[in-house]
């Protein structure tokens, strides 16, 4: 299974207005119920594509999202086919959600054990 990943960072703020391809890809993946992961400011691409209207999500608090109704103040979460995380400080939780979604809970648990998180 393929997972589309939107990284965060300052460039998101700078490029979101001039690159609509990111929203087009997100819409296609979402319509096909393929997994989409976004961290930090990355959920802004999903917001602009109208995807965050029907899922719970998290993002960096300074991201400036239009959709705030379904925002949750947690490190990472999965809602339907959308996996989001707050920022770089939440990368372990983000990866855990991605591995869990793509490969299952047992593989996610084994990964955490192998990197000494549990």
C-alpha atoms as a PDB file:
ATOM      1  CA  UNK A   1       0.000   0.000   0.000  1.00  0.00           C
ATOM      2  CA  UNK A   2       1.243   3.485  -0.843  1.00  0.00           C
ATOM      3  CA  UNK A   3       1.042   6.321   1.684  1.00  0.00           C
ATOM      4  CA  UNK A   4       1.366   9.929   0.525  1.00  0.00           C
ATOM      5  CA  UNK A   5       3.350  12.009   3.032  1.00  0.00           C
ATOM      6  CA  UNK A   6       3.234  15.774   3.473  1.00  0.00           C
ATOM      7  CA  UNK A   7       6.169  17.086   5.507  1.00  0.00           C
ATOM      8  CA  UNK A   8       5.896  20.307   7.429  1.00  0.00           C
ATOM      9  CA  UNK A   9       8.144  23.266   7.819  1.00  0.00           C
ATOM     10  CA  UNK A  10       8.279  26.863   6.763  1.00  0.00           C
ATOM     11  CA  UNK A  11       8.211  26.058   3.058  1.00  0.00           C
ATOM     12  CA  UNK A  12       4.585  24.924   3.341  1.00  0.00           C
ATOM     13  CA  UNK A  13       3.544  28.466   4.157  1.00  0.00           C
ATOM     14  CA  UNK A  14       5.595  29.720   1.207  1.00  0.00           C
ATOM     15  CA  UNK A  15       4.500  27.205  -1.430  1.00  0.00           C
ATOM     16  CA  UNK A  16       0.893  26.369  -0.683  1.00  0.00           C
ATOM     17  CA  UNK A  17      -0.440  29.297  -2.697  1.00  0.00           C
ATOM     18  CA  UNK A  18       1.647  28.600  -5.802  1.00  0.00           C
ATOM     19  CA  UNK A  19       1.564  24.790  -6.056  1.00  0.00           C
ATOM     20  CA  UNK A  20      -1.891  23.281  -6.436  1.00  0.00           C
ATOM     21  CA  UNK A  21      -0.533  19.839  -7.402  1.00  0.00           C
ATOM     22  CA  UNK A  22      -0.245  18.929  -3.725  1.00  0.00           C
ATOM     23  CA  UNK A  23      -3.971  19.441  -3.224  1.00  0.00           C
ATOM     24  CA  UNK A  24      -4.800  17.539  -6.434  1.00  0.00           C
ATOM     25  CA  UNK A  25      -2.799  14.524  -5.249  1.00  0.00           C
ATOM     26  CA  UNK A  26      -4.387  14.704  -1.793  1.00  0.00           C
ATOM     27  CA  UNK A  27      -7.900  14.788  -3.280  1.00  0.00           C
ATOM     28  CA  UNK A  28      -7.160  11.779  -5.497  1.00  0.00           C
ATOM     29  CA  UNK A  29      -5.693   9.727  -2.619  1.00  0.00           C
ATOM     30  CA  UNK A  30      -8.565  10.694  -0.336  1.00  0.00           C
ATOM     31  CA  UNK A  31     -11.242   9.813  -2.910  1.00  0.00           C
ATOM     32  CA  UNK A  32      -9.591   6.391  -3.302  1.00  0.00           C
ATOM     33  CA  UNK A  33      -9.325   6.027   0.499  1.00  0.00           C
ATOM     34  CA  UNK A  34      -5.536   5.672   0.264  1.00  0.00           C
ATOM     35  CA  UNK A  35      -3.532   6.721   3.325  1.00  0.00           C
ATOM     36  CA  UNK A  36      -2.306  10.297   3.572  1.00  0.00           C
ATOM     37  CA  UNK A  37       0.075  11.394   6.318  1.00  0.00           C
ATOM     38  CA  UNK A  38       0.895  15.003   7.192  1.00  0.00           C
ATOM     39  CA  UNK A  39       3.004  16.491   9.978  1.00  0.00           C
ATOM     40  CA  UNK A  40       3.523  19.988  11.378  1.00  0.00           C
ATOM     41  CA  UNK A  41       2.338  22.470   8.717  1.00  0.00           C
ATOM     42  CA  UNK A  42       1.709  19.653   6.211  1.00  0.00           C
ATOM     43  CA  UNK A  43      -1.992  19.403   7.107  1.00  0.00           C
ATOM     44  CA  UNK A  44      -2.410  22.819   5.470  1.00  0.00           C
ATOM     45  CA  UNK A  45      -2.277  21.099   2.087  1.00  0.00           C
ATOM     46  CA  UNK A  46      -5.092  18.823   3.229  1.00  0.00           C
ATOM     47  CA  UNK A  47      -7.018  21.795   4.567  1.00  0.00           C
ATOM     48  CA  UNK A  48      -6.756  23.621   1.237  1.00  0.00           C
ATOM     49  CA  UNK A  49      -7.955  20.469  -0.530  1.00  0.00           C
ATOM     50  CA  UNK A  50     -11.048  20.378   1.714  1.00  0.00           C
ATOM     51  CA  UNK A  51     -10.075  17.020   3.219  1.00  0.00           C
ATOM     52  CA  UNK A  52      -9.984  18.076   6.874  1.00  0.00           C
ATOM     53  CA  UNK A  53     -13.689  18.890   6.917  1.00  0.00           C
ATOM     54  CA  UNK A  54     -14.690  15.285   7.569  1.00  0.00           C
ATOM     55  CA  UNK A  55     -11.819  13.932   9.698  1.00  0.00           C
ATOM     56  CA  UNK A  56     -10.251  14.632  13.074  1.00  0.00           C
ATOM     57  CA  UNK A  57      -6.698  15.943  12.761  1.00  0.00           C
ATOM     58  CA  UNK A  58      -3.838  17.648  14.519  1.00  0.00           C
ATOM     59  CA  UNK A  59      -1.187  20.062  13.257  1.00  0.00           C
ATOM     60  CA  UNK A  60       1.338  22.563  14.540  1.00  0.00           C
ATOM     61  CA  UNK A  61      -0.610  25.276  16.404  1.00  0.00           C
ATOM     62  CA  UNK A  62       0.963  28.057  14.295  1.00  0.00           C
ATOM     63  CA  UNK A  63      -0.083  26.474  10.991  1.00  0.00           C
ATOM     64  CA  UNK A  64      -3.016  28.801  10.410  1.00  0.00           C
ATOM     65  CA  UNK A  65      -5.572  26.264   9.249  1.00  0.00           C
ATOM     66  CA  UNK A  66      -8.994  27.355   8.043  1.00  0.00           C
ATOM     67  CA  UNK A  67     -10.657  24.147   9.323  1.00  0.00           C
ATOM     68  CA  UNK A  68     -10.524  24.129  13.103  1.00  0.00           C
ATOM     69  CA  UNK A  69     -13.711  22.318  14.022  1.00  0.00           C
ATOM     70  CA  UNK A  70     -12.122  18.853  13.938  1.00  0.00           C
ATOM     71  CA  UNK A  71      -8.714  19.913  15.308  1.00  0.00           C
ATOM     72  CA  UNK A  72      -7.514  17.860  18.276  1.00  0.00           C
ATOM     73  CA  UNK A  73      -4.690  18.907  20.587  1.00  0.00           C
ATOM     74  CA  UNK A  74      -2.799  15.592  20.562  1.00  0.00           C
ATOM     75  CA  UNK A  75       0.648  14.511  19.329  1.00  0.00           C
ATOM     76  CA  UNK A  76      -0.630  12.296  16.492  1.00  0.00           C
ATOM     77  CA  UNK A  77      -3.854  10.686  15.374  1.00  0.00           C
ATOM     78  CA  UNK A  78      -5.453   8.628  12.650  1.00  0.00           C
ATOM     79  CA  UNK A  79      -8.923   9.443  11.383  1.00  0.00           C
ATOM     80  CA  UNK A  80     -10.259   7.394   8.478  1.00  0.00           C
ATOM     81  CA  UNK A  81      -7.352   7.351   5.981  1.00  0.00           C
ATOM     82  CA  UNK A  82      -5.706  10.544   7.313  1.00  0.00           C
ATOM     83  CA  UNK A  83      -2.727  10.419   9.708  1.00  0.00           C
ATOM     84  CA  UNK A  84      -1.558  13.712  11.212  1.00  0.00           C
ATOM     85  CA  UNK A  85       0.974  14.864  13.808  1.00  0.00           C
ATOM     86  CA  UNK A  86       1.764  18.169  15.501  1.00  0.00           C
ATOM     87  CA  UNK A  87       5.442  18.527  14.645  1.00  0.00           C
ATOM     88  CA  UNK A  88       8.975  17.189  14.757  1.00  0.00           C
ATOM     89  CA  UNK A  89       8.727  16.541  18.504  1.00  0.00           C
ATOM     90  CA  UNK A  90       5.969  14.028  17.763  1.00  0.00           C
ATOM     91  CA  UNK A  91       7.741  12.055  15.049  1.00  0.00           C
ATOM     92  CA  UNK A  92       7.786   8.760  17.001  1.00  0.00           C
ATOM     93  CA  UNK A  93       4.034   8.918  17.522  1.00  0.00           C
ATOM     94  CA  UNK A  94       3.550   9.892  13.877  1.00  0.00           C
ATOM     95  CA  UNK A  95       5.583   6.927  12.620  1.00  0.00           C
ATOM     96  CA  UNK A  96       3.731   4.635  15.027  1.00  0.00           C
ATOM     97  CA  UNK A  97       0.411   5.693  13.506  1.00  0.00           C
ATOM     98  CA  UNK A  98       1.732   5.234   9.954  1.00  0.00           C
ATOM     99  CA  UNK A  99       3.188   1.769  10.627  1.00  0.00           C
ATOM    100  CA  UNK A 100       0.059   0.740  12.497  1.00  0.00           C
ATOM    101  CA  UNK A 101      -2.159   1.844   9.608  1.00  0.00           C
ATOM    102  CA  UNK A 102      -0.039   0.283   6.872  1.00  0.00           C
ATOM    103  CA  UNK A 103       1.323  -2.851   8.545  1.00  0.00           C
ATOM    104  CA  UNK A 104      -0.778  -3.443  11.650  1.00  0.00           C
ATOM    105  CA  UNK A 105      -0.493  -3.136  15.418  1.00  0.00           C
ATOM    106  CA  UNK A 106       1.921  -6.025  15.877  1.00  0.00           C
ATOM    107  CA  UNK A 107       4.483  -4.564  13.454  1.00  0.00           C
ATOM    108  CA  UNK A 108       4.126  -1.141  15.093  1.00  0.00           C
ATOM    109  CA  UNK A 109       4.720  -2.720  18.518  1.00  0.00           C
ATOM    110  CA  UNK A 110       7.790  -4.599  17.232  1.00  0.00           C
ATOM    111  CA  UNK A 111       9.193  -1.391  15.762  1.00  0.00           C
ATOM    112  CA  UNK A 112       8.770   0.429  19.096  1.00  0.00           C
ATOM    113  CA  UNK A 113      10.521  -2.426  20.884  1.00  0.00           C
ATOM    114  CA  UNK A 114      13.402  -2.391  18.395  1.00  0.00           C
ATOM    115  CA  UNK A 115      14.076   1.292  18.958  1.00  0.00           C
ATOM    116  CA  UNK A 116      13.606   0.990  22.712  1.00  0.00           C
ATOM    117  CA  UNK A 117      10.406   3.001  23.009  1.00  0.00           C
ATOM    118  CA  UNK A 118       8.700   0.242  25.010  1.00  0.00           C
END
